[in-house]
Amino acid sequence: LKKLANIDKEIVVAGVMDKVELWSKEIYEEQLGIFLKGEDPSYSLAKMTEEAFSLLQEAPREETPTLEDRLAGAMHVAL
């Protein structure tokens, strides 16, 4: 995996919500510079914002019941 990501020495861990990416520090800084300077039309703030907000619209995961919830359910069944 290190070879595929061109990671030689240092890494950057970038994450948003439940998504995590590992980058070579050099490549991350290069790509970030390109984005911030607006040198690549495929990197737009509007597109990035749209993708970020789409993450918020994903269906929420079902939460694991707490111990209290399970005990309350068991007590209800026992009654």
N, C-alpha and C. Protein backbone atom coordinates (compact mmCIF):
# COMPACT_ATOMS: atom_id res chain seq x y z
N LEU A 1 0.82 -1.19 0.00
CA LEU A 1 0.00 0.00 0.00
C LEU A 1 0.86 1.25 0.00
N LYS A 2 1.98 1.18 0.72
CA LYS A 2 2.89 2.33 0.73
C LYS A 2 3.39 2.63 -0.67
N LYS A 3 3.71 1.59 -1.42
CA LYS A 3 4.20 1.79 -2.79
C LYS A 3 3.12 2.41 -3.67
N LEU A 4 1.89 1.91 -3.55
CA LEU A 4 0.79 2.44 -4.36
C LEU A 4 0.53 3.91 -4.08
N ALA A 5 0.69 4.31 -2.84
CA ALA A 5 0.45 5.70 -2.45
C ALA A 5 1.71 6.56 -2.55
N ASN A 6 2.80 5.97 -3.03
CA ASN A 6 4.09 6.68 -3.14
C ASN A 6 4.54 7.28 -1.81
N ILE A 7 4.35 6.52 -0.74
CA ILE A 7 4.75 6.98 0.58
C ILE A 7 6.16 6.49 0.85
N ASP A 8 7.08 7.46 1.02
CA ASP A 8 8.47 7.12 1.30
C ASP A 8 8.83 7.36 2.75
N LYS A 9 8.49 8.55 3.25
CA LYS A 9 8.90 8.92 4.61
C LYS A 9 7.71 9.36 5.45
N GLU A 10 7.20 10.53 5.14
CA GLU A 10 6.15 11.12 5.97
C GLU A 10 4.79 10.95 5.32
N ILE A 11 3.75 10.85 6.18
CA ILE A 11 2.39 10.73 5.68
C ILE A 11 1.53 11.86 6.23
N VAL A 12 0.42 12.07 5.54
CA VAL A 12 -0.62 12.98 6.01
C VAL A 12 -1.87 12.14 6.15
N VAL A 13 -2.53 12.25 7.30
CA VAL A 13 -3.80 11.59 7.52
C VAL A 13 -4.86 12.67 7.41
N ALA A 14 -5.70 12.55 6.40
CA ALA A 14 -6.76 13.54 6.17
C ALA A 14 -8.09 12.85 6.33
N GLY A 15 -9.00 13.47 7.05
CA GLY A 15 -10.29 12.84 7.25
C GLY A 15 -11.41 13.83 7.39
N VAL A 16 -12.60 13.38 6.99
CA VAL A 16 -13.82 14.13 7.14
C VAL A 16 -14.89 13.13 7.57
N MET A 17 -15.53 13.43 8.68
CA MET A 17 -16.56 12.57 9.23
C MET A 17 -16.03 11.14 9.40
N ASP A 18 -16.57 10.16 8.66
CA ASP A 18 -16.09 8.78 8.82
C ASP A 18 -15.21 8.34 7.65
N LYS A 19 -14.64 9.28 6.93
CA LYS A 19 -13.74 8.99 5.80
C LYS A 19 -12.32 9.38 6.18
N VAL A 20 -11.37 8.51 5.87
CA VAL A 20 -9.96 8.77 6.18
C VAL A 20 -9.12 8.47 4.94
N GLU A 21 -8.15 9.34 4.65
CA GLU A 21 -7.23 9.13 3.54
C GLU A 21 -5.81 9.22 4.06
N LEU A 22 -4.92 8.38 3.53
CA LEU A 22 -3.49 8.46 3.83
C LEU A 22 -2.79 8.94 2.57
N TRP A 23 -1.96 9.97 2.70
CA TRP A 23 -1.27 10.57 1.58
C TRP A 23 0.22 10.63 1.87
N SER A 24 1.00 10.56 0.82
CA SER A 24 2.40 10.95 0.91
C SER A 24 2.40 12.45 1.21
N LYS A 25 3.21 12.89 2.15
CA LYS A 25 3.23 14.31 2.50
C LYS A 25 3.55 15.17 1.29
N GLU A 26 4.50 14.73 0.48
CA GLU A 26 4.91 15.52 -0.68
C GLU A 26 3.77 15.66 -1.68
N ILE A 27 3.08 14.56 -1.97
CA ILE A 27 1.99 14.59 -2.94
C ILE A 27 0.81 15.39 -2.39
N TYR A 28 0.52 15.24 -1.10
CA TYR A 28 -0.58 15.98 -0.48
C TYR A 28 -0.33 17.48 -0.60
N GLU A 29 0.88 17.90 -0.24
CA GLU A 29 1.20 19.33 -0.30
C GLU A 29 1.15 19.85 -1.73
N GLU A 30 1.61 19.04 -2.68
CA GLU A 30 1.56 19.43 -4.09
C GLU A 30 0.11 19.60 -4.54
N GLN A 31 -0.74 18.61 -4.24
CA GLN A 31 -2.14 18.66 -4.64
C GLN A 31 -2.88 19.80 -3.95
N LEU A 32 -2.58 20.02 -2.67
CA LEU A 32 -3.21 21.11 -1.94
C LEU A 32 -2.81 22.46 -2.55
N GLY A 33 -1.55 22.61 -2.92
CA GLY A 33 -1.08 23.84 -3.56
C GLY A 33 -1.80 24.10 -4.88
N ILE A 34 -1.96 23.04 -5.67
CA ILE A 34 -2.67 23.16 -6.95
C ILE A 34 -4.11 23.60 -6.70
N PHE A 35 -4.75 23.00 -5.71
CA PHE A 35 -6.14 23.35 -5.38
C PHE A 35 -6.25 24.80 -4.92
N LEU A 36 -5.38 25.19 -3.99
CA LEU A 36 -5.47 26.54 -3.43
C LEU A 36 -5.17 27.63 -4.45
N LYS A 37 -4.30 27.33 -5.41
CA LYS A 37 -3.97 28.31 -6.45
C LYS A 37 -4.99 28.30 -7.58
N GLY A 38 -5.88 27.31 -7.61
CA GLY A 38 -6.87 27.22 -8.67
C GLY A 38 -6.28 26.85 -10.01
N GLU A 39 -5.16 26.14 -10.00
CA GLU A 39 -4.46 25.78 -11.24
C GLU A 39 -5.10 24.63 -12.00
N ASP A 40 -5.92 23.86 -11.38
CA ASP A 40 -6.56 22.72 -12.04
C ASP A 40 -8.07 22.92 -12.00
N PRO A 41 -8.71 23.05 -13.15
CA PRO A 41 -10.15 23.32 -13.17
C PRO A 41 -11.00 22.20 -12.57
N SER A 42 -10.46 20.98 -12.48
CA SER A 42 -11.24 19.90 -11.88
C SER A 42 -11.30 20.03 -10.36
N TYR A 43 -10.44 20.86 -9.78
CA TYR A 43 -10.46 21.13 -8.34
C TYR A 43 -11.14 22.48 -8.13
N SER A 44 -12.40 22.45 -7.78
CA SER A 44 -13.08 23.71 -7.51
C SER A 44 -13.66 23.67 -6.10
N LEU A 45 -13.70 24.83 -5.48
CA LEU A 45 -14.27 24.92 -4.13
C LEU A 45 -15.74 24.51 -4.16
N ALA A 46 -16.44 24.88 -5.23
CA ALA A 46 -17.86 24.52 -5.34
C ALA A 46 -18.03 23.01 -5.37
N LYS A 47 -17.19 22.32 -6.15
CA LYS A 47 -17.29 20.86 -6.24
C LYS A 47 -16.95 20.22 -4.91
N MET A 48 -15.90 20.71 -4.25
CA MET A 48 -15.50 20.16 -2.97
C MET A 48 -16.61 20.36 -1.93
N THR A 49 -17.23 21.53 -1.92
CA THR A 49 -18.31 21.82 -0.99
C THR A 49 -19.50 20.91 -1.25
N GLU A 50 -19.83 20.72 -2.52
CA GLU A 50 -20.93 19.84 -2.89
C GLU A 50 -20.67 18.41 -2.41
N GLU A 51 -19.46 17.93 -2.60
CA GLU A 51 -19.12 16.58 -2.14
C GLU A 51 -19.17 16.48 -0.63
N ALA A 52 -18.70 17.51 0.07
CA ALA A 52 -18.72 17.49 1.53
C ALA A 52 -20.15 17.45 2.05
N PHE A 53 -21.03 18.27 1.46
CA PHE A 53 -22.41 18.28 1.92
C PHE A 53 -23.15 17.01 1.55
N SER A 54 -22.74 16.34 0.47
CA SER A 54 -23.39 15.08 0.13
C SER A 54 -23.10 14.03 1.20
N LEU A 55 -21.95 14.14 1.87
CA LEU A 55 -21.65 13.21 2.96
C LEU A 55 -22.64 13.38 4.10
N LEU A 56 -23.10 14.61 4.32
CA LEU A 56 -24.05 14.87 5.40
C LEU A 56 -25.42 14.28 5.09
N GLN A 57 -25.73 14.07 3.80
CA GLN A 57 -27.04 13.59 3.41
C GLN A 57 -27.12 12.07 3.34
N GLU A 58 -26.00 11.39 3.57
CA GLU A 58 -26.04 9.93 3.56
C GLU A 58 -26.93 9.44 4.68
N ALA A 59 -27.53 8.30 4.46
CA ALA A 59 -28.41 7.72 5.48
C ALA A 59 -27.62 7.46 6.75
N PRO A 60 -28.16 7.87 7.88
CA PRO A 60 -27.45 7.63 9.14
C PRO A 60 -27.38 6.14 9.44
N ARG A 61 -26.30 5.75 10.05
CA ARG A 61 -26.14 4.36 10.45
C ARG A 61 -27.01 4.09 11.67
N GLU A 62 -27.49 2.86 11.74
CA GLU A 62 -28.26 2.49 12.92
C GLU A 62 -27.33 2.43 14.11
N GLU A 63 -27.77 3.01 15.21
CA GLU A 63 -26.95 3.01 16.41
C GLU A 63 -27.09 1.69 17.15
N THR A 64 -26.03 1.24 17.73
CA THR A 64 -26.06 0.04 18.55
C THR A 64 -26.80 0.36 19.84
N PRO A 65 -27.78 -0.47 20.21
CA PRO A 65 -28.52 -0.20 21.45
C PRO A 65 -27.59 -0.17 22.66
N THR A 66 -27.87 0.73 23.58
CA THR A 66 -27.09 0.81 24.80
C THR A 66 -27.49 -0.32 25.73
N LEU A 67 -26.68 -0.55 26.73
CA LEU A 67 -26.99 -1.58 27.72
C LEU A 67 -28.33 -1.27 28.38
N GLU A 68 -28.58 0.00 28.66
CA GLU A 68 -29.85 0.40 29.28
C GLU A 68 -31.03 0.06 28.37
N ASP A 69 -30.88 0.31 27.06
CA ASP A 69 -31.95 -0.01 26.11
C ASP A 69 -32.23 -1.52 26.10
N ARG A 70 -31.17 -2.32 26.08
CA ARG A 70 -31.34 -3.77 26.05
C ARG A 70 -31.99 -4.27 27.33
N LEU A 71 -31.55 -3.71 28.49
CA LEU A 71 -32.16 -4.14 29.75
C LEU A 71 -33.62 -3.73 29.83
N ALA A 72 -33.93 -2.52 29.36
CA ALA A 72 -35.32 -2.06 29.38
C ALA A 72 -36.18 -2.96 28.50
N GLY A 73 -35.65 -3.36 27.35
CA GLY A 73 -36.38 -4.27 26.47
C GLY A 73 -36.60 -5.62 27.10
N ALA A 74 -35.58 -6.11 27.79
CA ALA A 74 -35.68 -7.41 28.46
C ALA A 74 -36.68 -7.34 29.59
N MET A 75 -36.69 -6.23 30.33
CA MET A 75 -37.64 -6.07 31.45
C MET A 75 -39.07 -5.99 30.91
N HIS A 76 -39.25 -5.32 29.77
CA HIS A 76 -40.58 -5.19 29.17
C HIS A 76 -41.11 -6.57 28.75
N VAL A 77 -40.25 -7.39 28.17
CA VAL A 77 -40.64 -8.73 27.74
C VAL A 77 -41.00 -9.59 28.95
N ALA A 78 -40.24 -9.43 30.06
CA ALA A 78 -40.44 -10.25 31.25
C ALA A 78 -41.78 -9.90 31.93
N LEU A 79 -42.24 -8.66 31.77
CA LEU A 79 -43.48 -8.27 32.42
C LEU A 79 -44.64 -8.87 31.68
